[in-house]
Amino acid sequence: LSEYRPLPPPPVIRADKLNYQAQAFDSVFSDRDPT
């Protein structure tokens, strides 16, 4: 059998959490004043 090697962790992707109903960035607007 071949030697088992665990896969490296996936690359970090900077992505914003989107609210598709309100068409807004939840990650930007969470716990902040909208302005």
PDB file of all heavy atoms in Angstrom:
ATOM      1  N   LEU A   1       0.832  -1.196   0.000  1.00  0.00           N
ATOM      2  CA  LEU A   1       0.000   0.000   0.000  1.00  0.00           C
ATOM      3  C   LEU A   1       0.868   1.247   0.000  1.00  0.00           C
ATOM      4  O   LEU A   1       1.975   1.240   0.536  1.00  0.00           O
ATOM      5  CB  LEU A   1      -0.905  -0.003   1.229  1.00  0.00           C
ATOM      6  CG  LEU A   1      -1.886  -1.166   1.321  1.00  0.00           C
ATOM      7  CD1 LEU A   1      -2.615  -1.105   2.648  1.00  0.00           C
ATOM      8  CD2 LEU A   1      -2.874  -1.107   0.182  1.00  0.00           C
ATOM      9  N   SER A   2       0.359   2.276  -0.578  1.00  0.00           N
ATOM     10  CA  SER A   2       1.096   3.536  -0.563  1.00  0.00           C
ATOM     11  C   SER A   2       0.966   4.181   0.818  1.00  0.00           C
ATOM     12  O   SER A   2       0.021   3.934   1.558  1.00  0.00           O
ATOM     13  CB  SER A   2       0.572   4.475  -1.644  1.00  0.00           C
ATOM     14  OG  SER A   2      -0.773   4.771  -1.410  1.00  0.00           O
ATOM     15  N   GLU A   3       1.920   5.026   1.112  1.00  0.00           N
ATOM     16  CA  GLU A   3       1.929   5.677   2.417  1.00  0.00           C
ATOM     17  C   GLU A   3       0.842   6.740   2.469  1.00  0.00           C
ATOM     18  O   GLU A   3       0.665   7.509   1.515  1.00  0.00           O
ATOM     19  CB  GLU A   3       3.289   6.330   2.655  1.00  0.00           C
ATOM     20  CG  GLU A   3       3.415   7.018   3.984  1.00  0.00           C
ATOM     21  CD  GLU A   3       4.770   7.684   4.143  1.00  0.00           C
ATOM     22  OE1 GLU A   3       5.722   7.264   3.458  1.00  0.00           O
ATOM     23  OE2 GLU A   3       4.862   8.614   4.934  1.00  0.00           O
ATOM     24  N   TYR A   4       0.103   6.784   3.583  1.00  0.00           N
ATOM     25  CA  TYR A   4      -0.969   7.768   3.733  1.00  0.00           C
ATOM     26  C   TYR A   4      -0.391   9.086   4.201  1.00  0.00           C
ATOM     27  O   TYR A   4       0.332   9.145   5.184  1.00  0.00           O
ATOM     28  CB  TYR A   4      -2.011   7.271   4.738  1.00  0.00           C
ATOM     29  CG  TYR A   4      -3.052   8.314   5.066  1.00  0.00           C
ATOM     30  CD1 TYR A   4      -4.052   8.629   4.167  1.00  0.00           C
ATOM     31  CD2 TYR A   4      -3.010   9.008   6.261  1.00  0.00           C
ATOM     32  CE1 TYR A   4      -4.996   9.589   4.449  1.00  0.00           C
ATOM     33  CE2 TYR A   4      -3.944   9.979   6.563  1.00  0.00           C
ATOM     34  CZ  TYR A   4      -4.937  10.269   5.648  1.00  0.00           C
ATOM     35  OH  TYR A   4      -5.859  11.236   5.934  1.00  0.00           O
ATOM     36  N   ARG A   5      -0.692  10.125   3.484  1.00  0.00           N
ATOM     37  CA  ARG A   5      -0.290  11.471   3.876  1.00  0.00           C
ATOM     38  C   ARG A   5      -1.547  12.332   3.928  1.00  0.00           C
ATOM     39  O   ARG A   5      -2.281  12.397   2.943  1.00  0.00           O
ATOM     40  CB  ARG A   5       0.673  12.060   2.861  1.00  0.00           C
ATOM     41  CG  ARG A   5       2.002  11.402   2.849  1.00  0.00           C
ATOM     42  CD  ARG A   5       2.941  12.117   1.898  1.00  0.00           C
ATOM     43  NE  ARG A   5       3.997  11.207   1.509  1.00  0.00           N
ATOM     44  CZ  ARG A   5       4.567  11.166   0.332  1.00  0.00           C
ATOM     45  NH1 ARG A   5       4.187  11.998  -0.594  1.00  0.00           N
ATOM     46  NH2 ARG A   5       5.510  10.302   0.082  1.00  0.00           N
ATOM     47  N   PRO A   6      -1.792  12.985   5.055  1.00  0.00           N
ATOM     48  CA  PRO A   6      -2.987  13.839   5.111  1.00  0.00           C
ATOM     49  C   PRO A   6      -2.844  15.030   4.172  1.00  0.00           C
ATOM     50  O   PRO A   6      -1.737  15.510   3.917  1.00  0.00           O
ATOM     51  CB  PRO A   6      -3.044  14.282   6.574  1.00  0.00           C
ATOM     52  CG  PRO A   6      -1.659  14.116   7.082  1.00  0.00           C
ATOM     53  CD  PRO A   6      -1.047  12.993   6.297  1.00  0.00           C
ATOM     54  N   LEU A   7      -3.953  15.482   3.660  1.00  0.00           N
ATOM     55  CA  LEU A   7      -3.940  16.625   2.755  1.00  0.00           C
ATOM     56  C   LEU A   7      -3.629  17.898   3.531  1.00  0.00           C
ATOM     57  O   LEU A   7      -4.000  18.032   4.694  1.00  0.00           O
ATOM     58  CB  LEU A   7      -5.299  16.759   2.074  1.00  0.00           C
ATOM     59  CG  LEU A   7      -5.675  15.635   1.120  1.00  0.00           C
ATOM     60  CD1 LEU A   7      -7.106  15.829   0.643  1.00  0.00           C
ATOM     61  CD2 LEU A   7      -4.737  15.602  -0.056  1.00  0.00           C
ATOM     62  N   PRO A   8      -2.957  18.844   2.890  1.00  0.00           N
ATOM     63  CA  PRO A   8      -2.708  20.114   3.581  1.00  0.00           C
ATOM     64  C   PRO A   8      -4.024  20.859   3.781  1.00  0.00           C
ATOM     65  O   PRO A   8      -5.008  20.612   3.065  1.00  0.00           O
ATOM     66  CB  PRO A   8      -1.780  20.864   2.614  1.00  0.00           C
ATOM     67  CG  PRO A   8      -2.058  20.266   1.285  1.00  0.00           C
ATOM     68  CD  PRO A   8      -2.418  18.833   1.545  1.00  0.00           C
ATOM     69  N   PRO A   9      -4.070  21.772   4.735  1.00  0.00           N
ATOM     70  CA  PRO A   9      -5.317  22.507   4.936  1.00  0.00           C
ATOM     71  C   PRO A   9      -5.632  23.359   3.701  1.00  0.00           C
ATOM     72  O   PRO A   9      -4.724  23.766   2.980  1.00  0.00           O
ATOM     73  CB  PRO A   9      -5.027  23.379   6.160  1.00  0.00           C
ATOM     74  CG  PRO A   9      -3.544  23.462   6.236  1.00  0.00           C
ATOM     75  CD  PRO A   9      -3.022  22.189   5.656  1.00  0.00           C
ATOM     76  N   PRO A  10      -6.899  23.625   3.464  1.00  0.00           N
ATOM     77  CA  PRO A  10      -7.250  24.428   2.288  1.00  0.00           C
ATOM     78  C   PRO A  10      -6.752  25.860   2.458  1.00  0.00           C
ATOM     79  O   PRO A  10      -6.557  26.333   3.575  1.00  0.00           O
ATOM     80  CB  PRO A  10      -8.786  24.369   2.273  1.00  0.00           C
ATOM     81  CG  PRO A  10      -9.163  24.049   3.667  1.00  0.00           C
ATOM     82  CD  PRO A  10      -8.070  23.215   4.220  1.00  0.00           C
ATOM     83  N   PRO A  11      -6.516  26.551   1.359  1.00  0.00           N
ATOM     84  CA  PRO A  11      -6.040  27.936   1.471  1.00  0.00           C
ATOM     85  C   PRO A  11      -7.112  28.830   2.084  1.00  0.00           C
ATOM     86  O   PRO A  11      -8.306  28.576   1.956  1.00  0.00           O
ATOM     87  CB  PRO A  11      -5.767  28.331   0.006  1.00  0.00           C
ATOM     88  CG  PRO A  11      -6.626  27.413  -0.784  1.00  0.00           C
ATOM     89  CD  PRO A  11      -6.710  26.135  -0.013  1.00  0.00           C
ATOM     90  N   VAL A  12      -6.648  29.861   2.754  1.00  0.00           N
ATOM     91  CA  VAL A  12      -7.576  30.805   3.366  1.00  0.00           C
ATOM     92  C   VAL A  12      -8.138  31.702   2.275  1.00  0.00           C
ATOM     93  O   VAL A  12      -7.405  32.274   1.483  1.00  0.00           O
ATOM     94  CB  VAL A  12      -6.847  31.652   4.434  1.00  0.00           C
ATOM     95  CG1 VAL A  12      -7.780  32.684   5.012  1.00  0.00           C
ATOM     96  CG2 VAL A  12      -6.295  30.759   5.510  1.00  0.00           C
ATOM     97  N   ILE A  13      -9.437  31.781   2.212  1.00  0.00           N
ATOM     98  CA  ILE A  13     -10.104  32.612   1.211  1.00  0.00           C
ATOM     99  C   ILE A  13     -10.868  33.694   1.956  1.00  0.00           C
ATOM    100  O   ILE A  13     -11.692  33.393   2.829  1.00  0.00           O
ATOM    101  CB  ILE A  13     -11.061  31.776   0.344  1.00  0.00           C
ATOM    102  CG1 ILE A  13     -10.274  30.717  -0.402  1.00  0.00           C
ATOM    103  CG2 ILE A  13     -11.835  32.670  -0.622  1.00  0.00           C
ATOM    104  CD1 ILE A  13     -11.132  29.720  -1.128  1.00  0.00           C
ATOM    105  N   ARG A  14     -10.566  34.945   1.642  1.00  0.00           N
ATOM    106  CA  ARG A  14     -11.282  36.036   2.278  1.00  0.00           C
ATOM    107  C   ARG A  14     -12.579  36.253   1.510  1.00  0.00           C
ATOM    108  O   ARG A  14     -12.571  36.701   0.376  1.00  0.00           O
ATOM    109  CB  ARG A  14     -10.468  37.318   2.262  1.00  0.00           C
ATOM    110  CG  ARG A  14     -11.168  38.428   2.969  1.00  0.00           C
ATOM    111  CD  ARG A  14     -10.277  39.636   3.075  1.00  0.00           C
ATOM    112  NE  ARG A  14     -11.035  40.688   3.689  1.00  0.00           N
ATOM    113  CZ  ARG A  14     -11.290  41.841   3.115  1.00  0.00           C
ATOM    114  NH1 ARG A  14     -10.803  42.107   1.945  1.00  0.00           N
ATOM    115  NH2 ARG A  14     -12.013  42.741   3.735  1.00  0.00           N
ATOM    116  N   ALA A  15     -13.661  35.875   2.137  1.00  0.00           N
ATOM    117  CA  ALA A  15     -14.960  36.018   1.494  1.00  0.00           C
ATOM    118  C   ALA A  15     -15.923  36.650   2.487  1.00  0.00           C
ATOM    119  O   ALA A  15     -15.842  36.411   3.688  1.00  0.00           O
ATOM    120  CB  ALA A  15     -15.492  34.665   1.046  1.00  0.00           C
ATOM    121  N   ASP A  16     -16.783  37.468   1.998  1.00  0.00           N
ATOM    122  CA  ASP A  16     -17.776  38.121   2.840  1.00  0.00           C
ATOM    123  C   ASP A  16     -19.031  37.278   2.903  1.00  0.00           C
ATOM    124  O   ASP A  16     -19.463  36.715   1.901  1.00  0.00           O
ATOM    125  CB  ASP A  16     -18.122  39.509   2.282  1.00  0.00           C
ATOM    126  CG  ASP A  16     -16.961  40.466   2.379  1.00  0.00           C
ATOM    127  OD1 ASP A  16     -16.317  40.455   3.450  1.00  0.00           O
ATOM    128  OD2 ASP A  16     -16.699  41.193   1.435  1.00  0.00           O
ATOM    129  N   LYS A  17     -19.596  37.204   4.087  1.00  0.00           N
ATOM    130  CA  LYS A  17     -20.854  36.506   4.259  1.00  0.00           C
ATOM    131  C   LYS A  17     -21.954  37.388   3.687  1.00  0.00           C
ATOM    132  O   LYS A  17     -22.110  38.540   4.080  1.00  0.00           O
ATOM    133  CB  LYS A  17     -21.094  36.232   5.739  1.00  0.00           C
ATOM    134  CG  LYS A  17     -22.353  35.465   6.014  1.00  0.00           C
ATOM    135  CD  LYS A  17     -22.530  35.260   7.501  1.00  0.00           C
ATOM    136  CE  LYS A  17     -23.869  34.623   7.774  1.00  0.00           C
ATOM    137  NZ  LYS A  17     -24.172  34.609   9.200  1.00  0.00           N
ATOM    138  N   LEU A  18     -22.721  36.846   2.765  1.00  0.00           N
ATOM    139  CA  LEU A  18     -23.750  37.631   2.086  1.00  0.00           C
ATOM    140  C   LEU A  18     -25.135  37.245   2.582  1.00  0.00           C
ATOM    141  O   LEU A  18     -25.413  36.075   2.833  1.00  0.00           O
ATOM    142  CB  LEU A  18     -23.690  37.402   0.580  1.00  0.00           C
ATOM    143  CG  LEU A  18     -22.422  37.865  -0.118  1.00  0.00           C
ATOM    144  CD1 LEU A  18     -22.445  37.446  -1.565  1.00  0.00           C
ATOM    145  CD2 LEU A  18     -22.248  39.342   0.002  1.00  0.00           C
ATOM    146  N   ASN A  19     -25.997  38.240   2.694  1.00  0.00           N
ATOM    147  CA  ASN A  19     -27.406  38.016   2.968  1.00  0.00           C
ATOM    148  C   ASN A  19     -28.108  38.171   1.625  1.00  0.00           C
ATOM    149  O   ASN A  19     -28.261  39.277   1.118  1.00  0.00           O
ATOM    150  CB  ASN A  19     -27.917  39.040   3.990  1.00  0.00           C
ATOM    151  CG  ASN A  19     -29.375  38.838   4.321  1.00  0.00           C
ATOM    152  OD1 ASN A  19     -30.067  38.045   3.693  1.00  0.00           O
ATOM    153  ND2 ASN A  19     -29.840  39.558   5.320  1.00  0.00           N
ATOM    154  N   TYR A  20     -28.539  37.067   1.044  1.00  0.00           N
ATOM    155  CA  TYR A  20     -29.076  37.107  -0.313  1.00  0.00           C
ATOM    156  C   TYR A  20     -30.462  37.740  -0.382  1.00  0.00           C
ATOM    157  O   TYR A  20     -30.862  38.235  -1.421  1.00  0.00           O
ATOM    158  CB  TYR A  20     -29.108  35.689  -0.894  1.00  0.00           C
ATOM    159  CG  TYR A  20     -27.737  35.127  -1.080  1.00  0.00           C
ATOM    160  CD1 TYR A  20     -27.231  34.175  -0.221  1.00  0.00           C
ATOM    161  CD2 TYR A  20     -26.930  35.584  -2.103  1.00  0.00           C
ATOM    162  CE1 TYR A  20     -25.947  33.675  -0.386  1.00  0.00           C
ATOM    163  CE2 TYR A  20     -25.648  35.088  -2.283  1.00  0.00           C
ATOM    164  CZ  TYR A  20     -25.170  34.134  -1.421  1.00  0.00           C
ATOM    165  OH  TYR A  20     -23.911  33.656  -1.579  1.00  0.00           O
ATOM    166  N   GLN A  21     -31.199  37.743   0.726  1.00  0.00           N
ATOM    167  CA  GLN A  21     -32.521  38.366   0.706  1.00  0.00           C
ATOM    168  C   GLN A  21     -32.412  39.880   0.722  1.00  0.00           C
ATOM    169  O   GLN A  21     -33.133  40.570   0.019  1.00  0.00           O
ATOM    170  CB  GLN A  21     -33.343  37.875   1.892  1.00  0.00           C
ATOM    171  CG  GLN A  21     -33.687  36.406   1.792  1.00  0.00           C
ATOM    172  CD  GLN A  21     -34.375  35.885   3.039  1.00  0.00           C
ATOM    173  OE1 GLN A  21     -34.291  36.494   4.091  1.00  0.00           O
ATOM    174  NE2 GLN A  21     -35.041  34.761   2.915  1.00  0.00           N
ATOM    175  N   ALA A  22     -31.513  40.401   1.549  1.00  0.00           N
ATOM    176  CA  ALA A  22     -31.358  41.857   1.644  1.00  0.00           C
ATOM    177  C   ALA A  22     -30.305  42.391   0.683  1.00  0.00           C
ATOM    178  O   ALA A  22     -30.132  43.599   0.569  1.00  0.00           O
ATOM    179  CB  ALA A  22     -30.984  42.247   3.075  1.00  0.00           C
ATOM    180  N   GLN A  23     -29.589  41.501   0.000  1.00  0.00           N
ATOM    181  CA  GLN A  23     -28.508  41.881  -0.918  1.00  0.00           C
ATOM    182  C   GLN A  23     -27.483  42.764  -0.206  1.00  0.00           C
ATOM    183  O   GLN A  23     -27.103  43.818  -0.690  1.00  0.00           O
ATOM    184  CB  GLN A  23     -29.073  42.606  -2.145  1.00  0.00           C
ATOM    185  CG  GLN A  23     -29.988  41.775  -2.985  1.00  0.00           C
ATOM    186  CD  GLN A  23     -29.280  40.603  -3.627  1.00  0.00           C
ATOM    187  OE1 GLN A  23     -28.187  40.744  -4.132  1.00  0.00           O
ATOM    188  NE2 GLN A  23     -29.893  39.446  -3.593  1.00  0.00           N
ATOM    189  N   ALA A  24     -27.034  42.340   0.981  1.00  0.00           N
ATOM    190  CA  ALA A  24     -26.093  43.118   1.775  1.00  0.00           C
ATOM    191  C   ALA A  24     -24.996  42.212   2.303  1.00  0.00           C
ATOM    192  O   ALA A  24     -25.143  40.995   2.349  1.00  0.00           O
ATOM    193  CB  ALA A  24     -26.822  43.788   2.934  1.00  0.00           C
ATOM    194  N   PHE A  25     -23.896  42.823   2.724  1.00  0.00           N
ATOM    195  CA  PHE A  25     -22.784  42.098   3.326  1.00  0.00           C
ATOM    196  C   PHE A  25     -23.068  41.928   4.815  1.00  0.00           C
ATOM    197  O   PHE A  25     -23.019  42.893   5.570  1.00  0.00           O
ATOM    198  CB  PHE A  25     -21.473  42.866   3.159  1.00  0.00           C
ATOM    199  CG  PHE A  25     -21.023  42.993   1.741  1.00  0.00           C
ATOM    200  CD1 PHE A  25     -21.216  44.170   1.045  1.00  0.00           C
ATOM    201  CD2 PHE A  25     -20.401  41.939   1.106  1.00  0.00           C
ATOM    202  CE1 PHE A  25     -20.786  44.292  -0.257  1.00  0.00           C
ATOM    203  CE2 PHE A  25     -19.970  42.048  -0.195  1.00  0.00           C
ATOM    204  CZ  PHE A  25     -20.164  43.224  -0.879  1.00  0.00           C
ATOM    205  N   ASP A  26     -23.343  40.717   5.252  1.00  0.00           N
ATOM    206  CA  ASP A  26     -23.575  40.477   6.683  1.00  0.00           C
ATOM    207  C   ASP A  26     -22.299  40.602   7.485  1.00  0.00           C
ATOM    208  O   ASP A  26     -22.314  41.039   8.629  1.00  0.00           O
ATOM    209  CB  ASP A  26     -24.180  39.086   6.907  1.00  0.00           C
ATOM    210  CG  ASP A  26     -25.667  39.058   6.630  1.00  0.00           C
ATOM    211  OD1 ASP A  26     -26.258  40.140   6.475  1.00  0.00           O
ATOM    212  OD2 ASP A  26     -26.229  37.959   6.571  1.00  0.00           O
ATOM    213  N   SER A  27     -21.163  40.215   6.911  1.00  0.00           N
ATOM    214  CA  SER A  27     -19.919  40.268   7.658  1.00  0.00           C
ATOM    215  C   SER A  27     -19.493  41.705   7.928  1.00  0.00           C
ATOM    216  O   SER A  27     -18.833  41.979   8.913  1.00  0.00           O
ATOM    217  CB  SER A  27     -18.826  39.534   6.894  1.00  0.00           C
ATOM    218  OG  SER A  27     -18.653  40.124   5.626  1.00  0.00           O
ATOM    219  N   VAL A  28     -19.849  42.625   7.059  1.00  0.00           N
ATOM    220  CA  VAL A  28     -19.491  44.021   7.257  1.00  0.00           C
ATOM    221  C   VAL A  28     -20.463  44.698   8.215  1.00  0.00           C
ATOM    222  O   VAL A  28     -20.076  45.474   9.079  1.00  0.00           O
ATOM    223  CB  VAL A  28     -19.462  44.768   5.902  1.00  0.00           C
ATOM    224  CG1 VAL A  28     -19.261  46.245   6.095  1.00  0.00           C
ATOM    225  CG2 VAL A  28     -18.370  44.206   5.029  1.00  0.00           C
ATOM    226  N   PHE A  29     -21.733  44.371   8.095  1.00  0.00           N
ATOM    227  CA  PHE A  29     -22.737  45.078   8.861  1.00  0.00           C
ATOM    228  C   PHE A  29     -23.039  44.454  10.214  1.00  0.00           C
ATOM    229  O   PHE A  29     -23.800  45.002  10.978  1.00  0.00           O
ATOM    230  CB  PHE A  29     -24.034  45.175   8.049  1.00  0.00           C
ATOM    231  CG  PHE A  29     -23.911  46.084   6.871  1.00  0.00           C
ATOM    232  CD1 PHE A  29     -23.729  45.571   5.611  1.00  0.00           C
ATOM    233  CD2 PHE A  29     -23.944  47.447   7.011  1.00  0.00           C
ATOM    234  CE1 PHE A  29     -23.599  46.395   4.512  1.00  0.00           C
ATOM    235  CE2 PHE A  29     -23.813  48.279   5.932  1.00  0.00           C
ATOM    236  CZ  PHE A  29     -23.637  47.765   4.671  1.00  0.00           C
ATOM    237  N   SER A  30     -22.464  43.307  10.534  1.00  0.00           N
ATOM    238  CA  SER A  30     -22.779  42.692  11.813  1.00  0.00           C
ATOM    239  C   SER A  30     -22.079  43.435  12.947  1.00  0.00           C
ATOM    240  O   SER A  30     -20.896  43.758  12.848  1.00  0.00           O
ATOM    241  CB  SER A  30     -22.359  41.221  11.799  1.00  0.00           C
ATOM    242  OG  SER A  30     -20.969  41.123  11.607  1.00  0.00           O
ATOM    243  N   ASP A  31     -22.812  43.708  14.008  1.00  0.00           N
ATOM    244  CA  ASP A  31     -22.308  44.378  15.209  1.00  0.00           C
ATOM    245  C   ASP A  31     -21.708  45.748  14.930  1.00  0.00           C
ATOM    246  O   ASP A  31     -20.839  46.206  15.644  1.00  0.00           O
ATOM    247  CB  ASP A  31     -21.269  43.510  15.915  1.00  0.00           C
ATOM    248  CG  ASP A  31     -21.854  42.199  16.377  1.00  0.00           C
ATOM    249  OD1 ASP A  31     -23.075  42.158  16.601  1.00  0.00           O
ATOM    250  OD2 ASP A  31     -21.105  41.237  16.507  1.00  0.00           O
ATOM    251  N   ARG A  32     -22.148  46.411  13.925  1.00  0.00           N
ATOM    252  CA  ARG A  32     -21.664  47.754  13.614  1.00  0.00           C
ATOM    253  C   ARG A  32     -22.834  48.631  13.233  1.00  0.00           C
ATOM    254  O   ARG A  32     -23.858  48.175  12.769  1.00  0.00           O
ATOM    255  CB  ARG A  32     -20.687  47.741  12.438  1.00  0.00           C
ATOM    256  CG  ARG A  32     -19.369  47.097  12.720  1.00  0.00           C
ATOM    257  CD  ARG A  32     -18.404  47.442  11.601  1.00  0.00           C
ATOM    258  NE  ARG A  32     -17.165  46.740  11.771  1.00  0.00           N
ATOM    259  CZ  ARG A  32     -16.152  47.203  12.475  1.00  0.00           C
ATOM    260  NH1 ARG A  32     -16.236  48.352  13.070  1.00  0.00           N
ATOM    261  NH2 ARG A  32     -15.047  46.505  12.586  1.00  0.00           N
ATOM    262  N   ASP A  33     -22.604  49.903  13.395  1.00  0.00           N
ATOM    263  CA  ASP A  33     -23.553  50.876  12.892  1.00  0.00           C
ATOM    264  C   ASP A  33     -23.482  50.836  11.363  1.00  0.00           C
ATOM    265  O   ASP A  33     -22.378  50.748  10.802  1.00  0.00           O
ATOM    266  CB  ASP A  33     -23.163  52.263  13.420  1.00  0.00           C
ATOM    267  CG  ASP A  33     -24.167  53.313  13.036  1.00  0.00           C
ATOM    268  OD1 ASP A  33     -25.202  53.401  13.712  1.00  0.00           O
ATOM    269  OD2 ASP A  33     -23.913  54.032  12.052  1.00  0.00           O
ATOM    270  N   PRO A  34     -24.597  50.886  10.668  1.00  0.00           N
ATOM    271  CA  PRO A  34     -24.553  50.801   9.190  1.00  0.00           C
ATOM    272  C   PRO A  34     -23.735  51.911   8.542  1.00  0.00           C
ATOM    273  O   PRO A  34     -23.096  51.688   7.519  1.00  0.00           O
ATOM    274  CB  PRO A  34     -26.025  50.898   8.789  1.00  0.00           C
ATOM    275  CG  PRO A  34     -26.781  50.457   9.983  1.00  0.00           C
ATOM    276  CD  PRO A  34     -25.969  50.853  11.172  1.00  0.00           C
ATOM    277  N   THR A  35     -23.710  53.083   9.139  1.00  0.00           N
ATOM    278  CA  THR A  35     -22.913  54.174   8.568  1.00  0.00           C
ATOM    279  C   THR A  35     -21.431  53.889   8.725  1.00  0.00           C
ATOM    280  O   THR A  35     -20.639  54.112   7.801  1.00  0.00           O
ATOM    281  CB  THR A  35     -23.278  55.509   9.234  1.00  0.00           C
ATOM    282  OG1 THR A  35     -24.680  55.734   9.083  1.00  0.00           O
ATOM    283  CG2 THR A  35     -22.522  56.661   8.618  1.00  0.00           C
TER     284      THR A  35
END
